[in-house]
Amino acid sequence: MTQEQLIRVLYPAVPGPALAQYIGVTDNQLYYMVHQMGVKKNPRIKKLMNQQRLKQAHEKLKQKKYATN
């Protein structure tokens, strides 16, 4: 499979940084290629990734709050 084929198949469901590392490019290079190809994240996957990111941010804030008290 070519790099372009891998991106078209995997990018919609795989986090960008993980895919970039797998195919041996930087995050910025991957996002540029994705933009040029017009590939988009699967909306369900994007929603799950955003929820996970929000949860992680909330946990960091909780840890910070209790660390200062």
PDB file of N, CA and C in Angstrom:
ATOM      1  N   MET A   1       0.838  -1.189   0.000  1.00  0.00           N
ATOM      2  CA  MET A   1       0.000   0.000   0.000  1.00  0.00           C
ATOM      3  C   MET A   1       0.878   1.247   0.000  1.00  0.00           C
ATOM      4  N   THR A   2       0.497   2.221  -0.779  1.00  0.00           N
ATOM      5  CA  THR A   2       1.267   3.459  -0.814  1.00  0.00           C
ATOM      6  C   THR A   2       0.937   4.307   0.410  1.00  0.00           C
ATOM      7  N   GLN A   3       1.754   5.305   0.643  1.00  0.00           N
ATOM      8  CA  GLN A   3       1.535   6.221   1.760  1.00  0.00           C
ATOM      9  C   GLN A   3       0.175   6.907   1.632  1.00  0.00           C
ATOM     10  N   GLU A   4      -0.176   7.314   0.426  1.00  0.00           N
ATOM     11  CA  GLU A   4      -1.453   7.985   0.198  1.00  0.00           C
ATOM     12  C   GLU A   4      -2.619   7.045   0.501  1.00  0.00           C
ATOM     13  N   GLN A   5      -2.509   5.796   0.093  1.00  0.00           N
ATOM     14  CA  GLN A   5      -3.572   4.830   0.372  1.00  0.00           C
ATOM     15  C   GLN A   5      -3.727   4.599   1.870  1.00  0.00           C
ATOM     16  N   LEU A   6      -2.600   4.488   2.566  1.00  0.00           N
ATOM     17  CA  LEU A   6      -2.647   4.312   4.024  1.00  0.00           C
ATOM     18  C   LEU A   6      -3.359   5.487   4.686  1.00  0.00           C
ATOM     19  N   ILE A   7      -3.044   6.681   4.243  1.00  0.00           N
ATOM     20  CA  ILE A   7      -3.666   7.867   4.827  1.00  0.00           C
ATOM     21  C   ILE A   7      -5.168   7.856   4.553  1.00  0.00           C
ATOM     22  N   ARG A   8      -5.553   7.568   3.330  1.00  0.00           N
ATOM     23  CA  ARG A   8      -6.982   7.550   2.988  1.00  0.00           C
ATOM     24  C   ARG A   8      -7.761   6.525   3.813  1.00  0.00           C
ATOM     25  N   VAL A   9      -7.145   5.379   4.081  1.00  0.00           N
ATOM     26  CA  VAL A   9      -7.824   4.312   4.813  1.00  0.00           C
ATOM     27  C   VAL A   9      -7.782   4.546   6.326  1.00  0.00           C
ATOM     28  N   LEU A  10      -6.621   4.932   6.840  1.00  0.00           N
ATOM     29  CA  LEU A  10      -6.442   4.985   8.293  1.00  0.00           C
ATOM     30  C   LEU A  10      -6.794   6.322   8.939  1.00  0.00           C
ATOM     31  N   TYR A  11      -6.559   7.436   8.253  1.00  0.00           N
ATOM     32  CA  TYR A  11      -6.757   8.747   8.883  1.00  0.00           C
ATOM     33  C   TYR A  11      -8.158   8.969   9.461  1.00  0.00           C
ATOM     34  N   PRO A  12      -9.227   8.533   8.780  1.00  0.00           N
ATOM     35  CA  PRO A  12     -10.558   8.780   9.339  1.00  0.00           C
ATOM     36  C   PRO A  12     -10.781   8.156  10.726  1.00  0.00           C
ATOM     37  N   ALA A  13     -10.040   7.110  11.072  1.00  0.00           N
ATOM     38  CA  ALA A  13     -10.291   6.417  12.334  1.00  0.00           C
ATOM     39  C   ALA A  13      -9.111   6.393  13.300  1.00  0.00           C
ATOM     40  N   VAL A  14      -7.947   6.878  12.877  1.00  0.00           N
ATOM     41  CA  VAL A  14      -6.739   6.791  13.700  1.00  0.00           C
ATOM     42  C   VAL A  14      -6.281   8.204  14.075  1.00  0.00           C
ATOM     43  N   PRO A  15      -5.883   8.418  15.334  1.00  0.00           N
ATOM     44  CA  PRO A  15      -5.361   9.741  15.706  1.00  0.00           C
ATOM     45  C   PRO A  15      -4.175  10.141  14.817  1.00  0.00           C
ATOM     46  N   GLY A  16      -4.154  11.403  14.428  1.00  0.00           N
ATOM     47  CA  GLY A  16      -3.126  11.915  13.532  1.00  0.00           C
ATOM     48  C   GLY A  16      -1.698  11.640  13.980  1.00  0.00           C
ATOM     49  N   PRO A  17      -1.349  11.964  15.222  1.00  0.00           N
ATOM     50  CA  PRO A  17       0.039  11.735  15.648  1.00  0.00           C
ATOM     51  C   PRO A  17       0.469  10.268  15.551  1.00  0.00           C
ATOM     52  N   ALA A  18      -0.439   9.355  15.876  1.00  0.00           N
ATOM     53  CA  ALA A  18      -0.114   7.926  15.774  1.00  0.00           C
ATOM     54  C   ALA A  18       0.106   7.519  14.326  1.00  0.00           C
ATOM     55  N   LEU A  19      -0.739   8.006  13.438  1.00  0.00           N
ATOM     56  CA  LEU A  19      -0.594   7.690  12.014  1.00  0.00           C
ATOM     57  C   LEU A  19       0.681   8.304  11.449  1.00  0.00           C
ATOM     58  N   ALA A  20       0.973   9.534  11.831  1.00  0.00           N
ATOM     59  CA  ALA A  20       2.191  10.196  11.350  1.00  0.00           C
ATOM     60  C   ALA A  20       3.426   9.394  11.745  1.00  0.00           C
ATOM     61  N   GLN A  21       3.455   8.945  12.989  1.00  0.00           N
ATOM     62  CA  GLN A  21       4.591   8.151  13.454  1.00  0.00           C
ATOM     63  C   GLN A  21       4.666   6.835  12.674  1.00  0.00           C
ATOM     64  N   TYR A  22       3.532   6.205  12.436  1.00  0.00           N
ATOM     65  CA  TYR A  22       3.486   4.923  11.730  1.00  0.00           C
ATOM     66  C   TYR A  22       4.032   5.033  10.305  1.00  0.00           C
ATOM     67  N   ILE A  23       3.673   6.107   9.609  1.00  0.00           N
ATOM     68  CA  ILE A  23       4.127   6.236   8.225  1.00  0.00           C
ATOM     69  C   ILE A  23       5.442   7.007   8.101  1.00  0.00           C
ATOM     70  N   GLY A  24       5.968   7.487   9.227  1.00  0.00           N
ATOM     71  CA  GLY A  24       7.292   8.107   9.232  1.00  0.00           C
ATOM     72  C   GLY A  24       7.343   9.545   8.754  1.00  0.00           C
ATOM     73  N   VAL A  25       6.313  10.326   9.106  1.00  0.00           N
ATOM     74  CA  VAL A  25       6.306  11.754   8.772  1.00  0.00           C
ATOM     75  C   VAL A  25       5.993  12.549  10.038  1.00  0.00           C
ATOM     76  N   THR A  26       6.195  13.862   9.979  1.00  0.00           N
ATOM     77  CA  THR A  26       5.832  14.701  11.119  1.00  0.00           C
ATOM     78  C   THR A  26       4.319  14.915  11.117  1.00  0.00           C
ATOM     79  N   ASP A  27       3.795  15.354  12.241  1.00  0.00           N
ATOM     80  CA  ASP A  27       2.361  15.661  12.332  1.00  0.00           C
ATOM     81  C   ASP A  27       1.971  16.701  11.280  1.00  0.00           C
ATOM     82  N   ASN A  28       2.786  17.753  11.167  1.00  0.00           N
ATOM     83  CA  ASN A  28       2.486  18.819  10.200  1.00  0.00           C
ATOM     84  C   ASN A  28       2.480  18.303   8.770  1.00  0.00           C
ATOM     85  N   GLN A  29       3.414  17.438   8.444  1.00  0.00           N
ATOM     86  CA  GLN A  29       3.447  16.867   7.095  1.00  0.00           C
ATOM     87  C   GLN A  29       2.179  16.050   6.834  1.00  0.00           C
ATOM     88  N   LEU A  30       1.766  15.268   7.823  1.00  0.00           N
ATOM     89  CA  LEU A  30       0.554  14.468   7.669  1.00  0.00           C
ATOM     90  C   LEU A  30      -0.655  15.365   7.458  1.00  0.00           C
ATOM     91  N   TYR A  31      -0.807  16.382   8.304  1.00  0.00           N
ATOM     92  CA  TYR A  31      -1.973  17.255   8.181  1.00  0.00           C
ATOM     93  C   TYR A  31      -1.985  17.997   6.843  1.00  0.00           C
ATOM     94  N   TYR A  32      -0.818  18.342   6.331  1.00  0.00           N
ATOM     95  CA  TYR A  32      -0.741  18.978   5.014  1.00  0.00           C
ATOM     96  C   TYR A  32      -1.225  18.005   3.928  1.00  0.00           C
ATOM     97  N   MET A  33      -0.744  16.751   3.996  1.00  0.00           N
ATOM     98  CA  MET A  33      -1.147  15.747   3.006  1.00  0.00           C
ATOM     99  C   MET A  33      -2.651  15.488   3.085  1.00  0.00           C
ATOM    100  N   VAL A  34      -3.160  15.381   4.298  1.00  0.00           N
ATOM    101  CA  VAL A  34      -4.589  15.130   4.502  1.00  0.00           C
ATOM    102  C   VAL A  34      -5.404  16.274   3.895  1.00  0.00           C
ATOM    103  N   HIS A  35      -4.968  17.491   4.151  1.00  0.00           N
ATOM    104  CA  HIS A  35      -5.661  18.657   3.613  1.00  0.00           C
ATOM    105  C   HIS A  35      -5.641  18.642   2.077  1.00  0.00           C
ATOM    106  N   GLN A  36      -4.489  18.341   1.503  1.00  0.00           N
ATOM    107  CA  GLN A  36      -4.359  18.301   0.049  1.00  0.00           C
ATOM    108  C   GLN A  36      -5.250  17.214  -0.573  1.00  0.00           C
ATOM    109  N   MET A  37      -5.400  16.084   0.138  1.00  0.00           N
ATOM    110  CA  MET A  37      -6.213  14.978  -0.372  1.00  0.00           C
ATOM    111  C   MET A  37      -7.698  15.159  -0.071  1.00  0.00           C
ATOM    112  N   GLY A  38      -8.009  16.048   0.846  1.00  0.00           N
ATOM    113  CA  GLY A  38      -9.406  16.264   1.209  1.00  0.00           C
ATOM    114  C   GLY A  38      -9.984  15.185   2.104  1.00  0.00           C
ATOM    115  N   VAL A  39      -9.133  14.475   2.824  1.00  0.00           N
ATOM    116  CA  VAL A  39      -9.584  13.398   3.719  1.00  0.00           C
ATOM    117  C   VAL A  39     -10.064  14.016   5.030  1.00  0.00           C
ATOM    118  N   LYS A  40     -11.165  13.508   5.538  1.00  0.00           N
ATOM    119  CA  LYS A  40     -11.740  14.022   6.782  1.00  0.00           C
ATOM    120  C   LYS A  40     -11.840  12.898   7.808  1.00  0.00           C
ATOM    121  N   LYS A  41     -11.859  13.278   9.086  1.00  0.00           N
ATOM    122  CA  LYS A  41     -12.086  12.321  10.167  1.00  0.00           C
ATOM    123  C   LYS A  41     -13.531  11.841  10.118  1.00  0.00           C
ATOM    124  N   ASN A  42     -13.761  10.611  10.519  1.00  0.00           N
ATOM    125  CA  ASN A  42     -15.108  10.096  10.691  1.00  0.00           C
ATOM    126  C   ASN A  42     -15.749  10.908  11.819  1.00  0.00           C
ATOM    127  N   PRO A  43     -16.948  11.455  11.641  1.00  0.00           N
ATOM    128  CA  PRO A  43     -17.561  12.303  12.672  1.00  0.00           C
ATOM    129  C   PRO A  43     -17.702  11.619  14.032  1.00  0.00           C
ATOM    130  N   ARG A  44     -18.022  10.335  14.049  1.00  0.00           N
ATOM    131  CA  ARG A  44     -18.135   9.623  15.333  1.00  0.00           C
ATOM    132  C   ARG A  44     -16.784   9.528  16.026  1.00  0.00           C
ATOM    133  N   ILE A  45     -15.750   9.221  15.261  1.00  0.00           N
ATOM    134  CA  ILE A  45     -14.400   9.114  15.825  1.00  0.00           C
ATOM    135  C   ILE A  45     -13.941  10.475  16.323  1.00  0.00           C
ATOM    136  N   LYS A  46     -14.201  11.521  15.543  1.00  0.00           N
ATOM    137  CA  LYS A  46     -13.811  12.875  15.939  1.00  0.00           C
ATOM    138  C   LYS A  46     -14.484  13.256  17.261  1.00  0.00           C
ATOM    139  N   LYS A  47     -15.758  12.917  17.396  1.00  0.00           N
ATOM    140  CA  LYS A  47     -16.487  13.218  18.629  1.00  0.00           C
ATOM    141  C   LYS A  47     -15.871  12.473  19.816  1.00  0.00           C
ATOM    142  N   LEU A  48     -15.552  11.202  19.626  1.00  0.00           N
ATOM    143  CA  LEU A  48     -14.930  10.417  20.697  1.00  0.00           C
ATOM    144  C   LEU A  48     -13.564  10.978  21.092  1.00  0.00           C
ATOM    145  N   MET A  49     -12.778  11.376  20.097  1.00  0.00           N
ATOM    146  CA  MET A  49     -11.456  11.934  20.381  1.00  0.00           C
ATOM    147  C   MET A  49     -11.583  13.248  21.154  1.00  0.00           C
ATOM    148  N   ASN A  50     -12.556  14.088  20.778  1.00  0.00           N
ATOM    149  CA  ASN A  50     -12.769  15.349  21.485  1.00  0.00           C
ATOM    150  C   ASN A  50     -13.234  15.116  22.912  1.00  0.00           C
ATOM    151  N   GLN A  51     -14.103  14.125  23.120  1.00  0.00           N
ATOM    152  CA  GLN A  51     -14.560  13.803  24.468  1.00  0.00           C
ATOM    153  C   GLN A  51     -13.391  13.340  25.330  1.00  0.00           C
ATOM    154  N   GLN A  52     -12.527  12.516  24.751  1.00  0.00           N
ATOM    155  CA  GLN A  52     -11.365  12.017  25.478  1.00  0.00           C
ATOM    156  C   GLN A  52     -10.430  13.167  25.839  1.00  0.00           C
ATOM    157  N   ARG A  53     -10.212  14.077  24.902  1.00  0.00           N
ATOM    158  CA  ARG A  53      -9.345  15.233  25.141  1.00  0.00           C
ATOM    159  C   ARG A  53      -9.907  16.111  26.262  1.00  0.00           C
ATOM    160  N   LEU A  54     -11.217  16.315  26.246  1.00  0.00           N
ATOM    161  CA  LEU A  54     -11.878  17.115  27.272  1.00  0.00           C
ATOM    162  C   LEU A  54     -11.755  16.453  28.638  1.00  0.00           C
ATOM    163  N   LYS A  55     -11.924  15.152  28.672  1.00  0.00           N
ATOM    164  CA  LYS A  55     -11.807  14.402  29.932  1.00  0.00           C
ATOM    165  C   LYS A  55     -10.386  14.513  30.494  1.00  0.00           C
ATOM    166  N   GLN A  56      -9.384  14.406  29.625  1.00  0.00           N
ATOM    167  CA  GLN A  56      -7.995  14.526  30.058  1.00  0.00           C
ATOM    168  C   GLN A  56      -7.711  15.922  30.606  1.00  0.00           C
ATOM    169  N   ALA A  57      -8.229  16.933  29.951  1.00  0.00           N
ATOM    170  CA  ALA A  57      -8.031  18.305  30.414  1.00  0.00           C
ATOM    171  C   ALA A  57      -8.680  18.507  31.774  1.00  0.00           C
ATOM    172  N   HIS A  58      -9.856  17.938  31.957  1.00  0.00           N
ATOM    173  CA  HIS A  58     -10.563  18.050  33.237  1.00  0.00           C
ATOM    174  C   HIS A  58      -9.758  17.376  34.349  1.00  0.00           C
ATOM    175  N   GLU A  59      -9.193  16.210  34.062  1.00  0.00           N
ATOM    176  CA  GLU A  59      -8.386  15.502  35.060  1.00  0.00           C
ATOM    177  C   GLU A  59      -7.144  16.311  35.432  1.00  0.00           C
ATOM    178  N   LYS A  60      -6.511  16.945  34.456  1.00  0.00           N
ATOM    179  CA  LYS A  60      -5.335  17.776  34.737  1.00  0.00           C
ATOM    180  C   LYS A  60      -5.700  18.941  35.645  1.00  0.00           C
ATOM    181  N   LEU A  61      -6.851  19.562  35.383  1.00  0.00           N
ATOM    182  CA  LEU A  61      -7.290  20.681  36.221  1.00  0.00           C
ATOM    183  C   LEU A  61      -7.565  20.221  37.648  1.00  0.00           C
ATOM    184  N   LYS A  62      -8.177  19.056  37.782  1.00  0.00           N
ATOM    185  CA  LYS A  62      -8.454  18.516  39.119  1.00  0.00           C
ATOM    186  C   LYS A  62      -7.159  18.262  39.862  1.00  0.00           C
ATOM    187  N   GLN A  63      -6.171  17.681  39.187  1.00  0.00           N
ATOM    188  CA  GLN A  63      -4.884  17.391  39.815  1.00  0.00           C
ATOM    189  C   GLN A  63      -4.194  18.681  40.231  1.00  0.00           C
ATOM    190  N   LYS A  64      -4.243  19.680  39.378  1.00  0.00           N
ATOM    191  CA  LYS A  64      -3.619  20.959  39.662  1.00  0.00           C
ATOM    192  C   LYS A  64      -4.274  21.624  40.881  1.00  0.00           C
ATOM    193  N   LYS A  65      -5.592  21.553  40.931  1.00  0.00           N
ATOM    194  CA  LYS A  65      -6.339  22.179  42.015  1.00  0.00           C
ATOM    195  C   LYS A  65      -5.972  21.538  43.364  1.00  0.00           C
ATOM    196  N   TYR A  66      -5.910  20.206  43.386  1.00  0.00           N
ATOM    197  CA  TYR A  66      -5.616  19.526  44.652  1.00  0.00           C
ATOM    198  C   TYR A  66      -4.138  19.594  44.996  1.00  0.00           C
ATOM    199  N   ALA A  67      -3.278  19.791  44.031  1.00  0.00           N
ATOM    200  CA  ALA A  67      -1.840  19.881  44.290  1.00  0.00           C
ATOM    201  C   ALA A  67      -1.498  21.212  44.976  1.00  0.00           C
ATOM    202  N   THR A  68      -2.287  22.264  44.714  1.00  0.00           N
ATOM    203  CA  THR A  68      -1.980  23.571  45.294  1.00  0.00           C
ATOM    204  C   THR A  68      -2.604  23.739  46.677  1.00  0.00           C
ATOM    205  N   ASN A  69      -3.554  22.891  47.020  1.00  0.00           N
ATOM    206  CA  ASN A  69      -4.207  23.014  48.347  1.00  0.00           C
ATOM    207  C   ASN A  69      -3.479  22.265  49.413  1.00  0.00           C
TER     208      ASN A  69
END
